Amino acid sequence: MAENLTTLTTATFTETVASSTVPMLVDFWAEWCGPCKMIAPVLEEIAAEHPDAIHIAKLNVDDHPDIAREFSVMSIPTMIVFRDGQEVKRLVGAKGKGQMLQDLDEFL
């Protein structure tokens, strides 16, 4: 995983998201999910290109289903942007880099 991405767990989720000084996009994904694998390099590029504007983290829903349930994640990939620990935007489904940048424009 890229150095600009954080891997979240049930134990680290709340503190990490709440303590972020910039908006944090959390990618809810699973190893078996084809679209999740397609979007991973896009998220890595965005994380590398905008390290001071947005922080990107990943949470494996198979390993941490309690967090996925808490945020009503029904399909993956689901990406939720948090600001000050609160959900401010939700993106569902794999998108190309151009569409993802457009969807995240208000945070970049």
C-alpha atoms as a PDB file:
ATOM      1  CA  MET A   1       0.000   0.000   0.000  1.00  0.00           C
ATOM      2  CA  ALA A   2       1.229   3.487  -0.788  1.00  0.00           C
ATOM      3  CA  GLU A   3       2.948   5.483   1.919  1.00  0.00           C
ATOM      4  CA  ASN A   4       0.368   8.267   1.628  1.00  0.00           C
ATOM      5  CA  LEU A   5      -2.491   5.926   2.597  1.00  0.00           C
ATOM      6  CA  THR A   6      -3.483   4.927   6.105  1.00  0.00           C
ATOM      7  CA  THR A   7      -4.921   1.514   6.920  1.00  0.00           C
ATOM      8  CA  LEU A   8      -7.716   1.773   9.471  1.00  0.00           C
ATOM      9  CA  THR A   9      -8.995  -0.846  11.904  1.00  0.00           C
ATOM     10  CA  THR A  10     -11.869  -0.960  14.333  1.00  0.00           C
ATOM     11  CA  ALA A  11      -9.423   0.087  17.063  1.00  0.00           C
ATOM     12  CA  THR A  12      -7.983   3.062  15.170  1.00  0.00           C
ATOM     13  CA  PHE A  13     -10.946   4.313  13.121  1.00  0.00           C
ATOM     14  CA  THR A  14     -12.625   6.811  15.461  1.00  0.00           C
ATOM     15  CA  GLU A  15      -9.456   8.435  16.777  1.00  0.00           C
ATOM     16  CA  THR A  16      -7.776   8.640  13.367  1.00  0.00           C
ATOM     17  CA  VAL A  17     -10.795  10.141  11.604  1.00  0.00           C
ATOM     18  CA  ALA A  18     -11.587  12.581  14.425  1.00  0.00           C
ATOM     19  CA  SER A  19      -7.988  13.787  14.775  1.00  0.00           C
ATOM     20  CA  SER A  20      -7.378  14.499  11.082  1.00  0.00           C
ATOM     21  CA  THR A  21      -6.600  18.185  10.512  1.00  0.00           C
ATOM     22  CA  VAL A  22      -7.671  17.944   6.851  1.00  0.00           C
ATOM     23  CA  PRO A  23     -10.657  16.192   5.283  1.00  0.00           C
ATOM     24  CA  MET A  24     -10.221  12.416   5.316  1.00  0.00           C
ATOM     25  CA  LEU A  25     -11.557  10.116   2.617  1.00  0.00           C
ATOM     26  CA  VAL A  26     -12.110   6.591   3.914  1.00  0.00           C
ATOM     27  CA  ASP A  27     -12.272   3.898   1.237  1.00  0.00           C
ATOM     28  CA  PHE A  28     -14.456   0.984   2.399  1.00  0.00           C
ATOM     29  CA  TRP A  29     -13.190  -1.979   0.353  1.00  0.00           C
ATOM     30  CA  ALA A  30     -12.630  -5.753   0.288  1.00  0.00           C
ATOM     31  CA  GLU A  31      -9.947  -7.973  -1.207  1.00  0.00           C
ATOM     32  CA  TRP A  32     -12.424  -9.825  -3.461  1.00  0.00           C
ATOM     33  CA  CYS A  33     -13.973  -6.609  -4.884  1.00  0.00           C
ATOM     34  CA  GLY A  34     -12.925  -5.978  -8.503  1.00  0.00           C
ATOM     35  CA  PRO A  35     -14.069  -2.324  -8.618  1.00  0.00           C
ATOM     36  CA  CYS A  36     -12.211  -1.720  -5.326  1.00  0.00           C
ATOM     37  CA  LYS A  37      -8.993  -2.935  -6.960  1.00  0.00           C
ATOM     38  CA  MET A  38      -9.649  -0.693  -9.971  1.00  0.00           C
ATOM     39  CA  ILE A  39     -10.018   2.435  -7.846  1.00  0.00           C
ATOM     40  CA  ALA A  40      -7.059   1.753  -5.522  1.00  0.00           C
ATOM     41  CA  PRO A  41      -4.385   3.221  -7.855  1.00  0.00           C
ATOM     42  CA  VAL A  42      -6.563   6.303  -8.447  1.00  0.00           C
ATOM     43  CA  LEU A  43      -6.795   6.915  -4.701  1.00  0.00           C
ATOM     44  CA  GLU A  44      -3.044   6.385  -4.322  1.00  0.00           C
ATOM     45  CA  GLU A  45      -2.386   9.010  -7.018  1.00  0.00           C
ATOM     46  CA  ILE A  46      -4.754  11.519  -5.418  1.00  0.00           C
ATOM     47  CA  ALA A  47      -3.157  10.914  -2.004  1.00  0.00           C
ATOM     48  CA  ALA A  48       0.316  11.511  -3.475  1.00  0.00           C
ATOM     49  CA  GLU A  49      -0.720  14.609  -5.431  1.00  0.00           C
ATOM     50  CA  HIS A  50      -2.736  16.316  -2.646  1.00  0.00           C
ATOM     51  CA  PRO A  51      -1.085  15.308   0.662  1.00  0.00           C
ATOM     52  CA  ASP A  52      -1.792  18.642   2.361  1.00  0.00           C
ATOM     53  CA  ALA A  53      -5.417  18.912   1.204  1.00  0.00           C
ATOM     54  CA  ILE A  54      -6.924  15.486   1.855  1.00  0.00           C
ATOM     55  CA  HIS A  55      -5.887  12.368   3.736  1.00  0.00           C
ATOM     56  CA  ILE A  56      -6.886   8.994   2.290  1.00  0.00           C
ATOM     57  CA  ALA A  57      -7.421   5.905   4.399  1.00  0.00           C
ATOM     58  CA  LYS A  58      -8.662   2.384   3.693  1.00  0.00           C
ATOM     59  CA  LEU A  59     -10.859   0.101   5.776  1.00  0.00           C
ATOM     60  CA  ASN A  60     -11.318  -3.551   4.828  1.00  0.00           C
ATOM     61  CA  VAL A  61     -15.025  -4.293   5.398  1.00  0.00           C
ATOM     62  CA  ASP A  62     -14.410  -8.042   5.728  1.00  0.00           C
ATOM     63  CA  ASP A  63     -11.949  -7.497   8.571  1.00  0.00           C
ATOM     64  CA  HIS A  64     -13.947  -4.709  10.244  1.00  0.00           C
ATOM     65  CA  PRO A  65     -17.665  -5.224   9.497  1.00  0.00           C
ATOM     66  CA  ASP A  66     -18.728  -3.310  12.624  1.00  0.00           C
ATOM     67  CA  ILE A  67     -17.454  -0.010  11.196  1.00  0.00           C
ATOM     68  CA  ALA A  68     -19.071  -0.721   7.810  1.00  0.00           C
ATOM     69  CA  ARG A  69     -22.395  -1.357   9.594  1.00  0.00           C
ATOM     70  CA  GLU A  70     -22.019   1.780  11.712  1.00  0.00           C
ATOM     71  CA  PHE A  71     -21.832   3.885   8.541  1.00  0.00           C
ATOM     72  CA  SER A  72     -24.458   1.854   6.627  1.00  0.00           C
ATOM     73  CA  VAL A  73     -22.028   0.804   3.909  1.00  0.00           C
ATOM     74  CA  MET A  74     -24.193  -1.452   1.737  1.00  0.00           C
ATOM     75  CA  SER A  75     -22.014  -1.752  -1.368  1.00  0.00           C
ATOM     76  CA  ILE A  76     -18.354  -1.333  -2.086  1.00  0.00           C
ATOM     77  CA  PRO A  77     -16.373   0.563  -2.985  1.00  0.00           C
ATOM     78  CA  THR A  78     -17.924   3.274  -0.846  1.00  0.00           C
ATOM     79  CA  MET A  79     -15.813   6.309  -0.050  1.00  0.00           C
ATOM     80  CA  ILE A  80     -16.857   8.618   2.749  1.00  0.00           C
ATOM     81  CA  VAL A  81     -15.241  12.012   3.274  1.00  0.00           C
ATOM     82  CA  PHE A  82     -15.061  13.091   6.915  1.00  0.00           C
ATOM     83  CA  ARG A  83     -14.362  16.596   8.182  1.00  0.00           C
ATOM     84  CA  ASP A  84     -13.886  17.111  11.935  1.00  0.00           C
ATOM     85  CA  GLY A  85     -14.937  13.489  12.443  1.00  0.00           C
ATOM     86  CA  GLN A  86     -18.300  13.965  10.686  1.00  0.00           C
ATOM     87  CA  GLU A  87     -19.415  12.537   7.350  1.00  0.00           C
ATOM     88  CA  VAL A  88     -19.658  15.343   4.775  1.00  0.00           C
ATOM     89  CA  LYS A  89     -19.761  13.432   1.470  1.00  0.00           C
ATOM     90  CA  ARG A  90     -20.343   9.878   0.265  1.00  0.00           C
ATOM     91  CA  LEU A  91     -19.233   8.422  -3.073  1.00  0.00           C
ATOM     92  CA  VAL A  92     -20.317   4.951  -4.165  1.00  0.00           C
ATOM     93  CA  GLY A  93     -18.802   2.922  -6.975  1.00  0.00           C
ATOM     94  CA  ALA A  94     -15.563   2.943  -8.904  1.00  0.00           C
ATOM     95  CA  LYS A  95     -14.786   6.099 -10.876  1.00  0.00           C
ATOM     96  CA  GLY A  96     -11.959   7.242 -13.063  1.00  0.00           C
ATOM     97  CA  LYS A  97      -9.451   9.767 -11.784  1.00  0.00           C
ATOM     98  CA  GLY A  98     -11.078  12.706 -13.585  1.00  0.00           C
ATOM     99  CA  GLN A  99     -14.506  12.001 -12.088  1.00  0.00           C
ATOM    100  CA  MET A 100     -13.012  11.376  -8.658  1.00  0.00           C
ATOM    101  CA  LEU A 101     -11.115  14.681  -8.744  1.00  0.00           C
ATOM    102  CA  GLN A 102     -14.308  16.442  -9.804  1.00  0.00           C
ATOM    103  CA  ASP A 103     -16.248  14.811  -6.947  1.00  0.00           C
ATOM    104  CA  LEU A 104     -13.532  15.799  -4.453  1.00  0.00           C
ATOM    105  CA  ASP A 105     -12.919  19.287  -5.876  1.00  0.00           C
ATOM    106  CA  GLU A 106     -14.393  21.081  -2.842  1.00  0.00           C
ATOM    107  CA  PHE A 107     -11.770  19.408  -0.611  1.00  0.00           C
ATOM    108  CA  LEU A 108      -8.676  19.789  -2.820  1.00  0.00           C
END
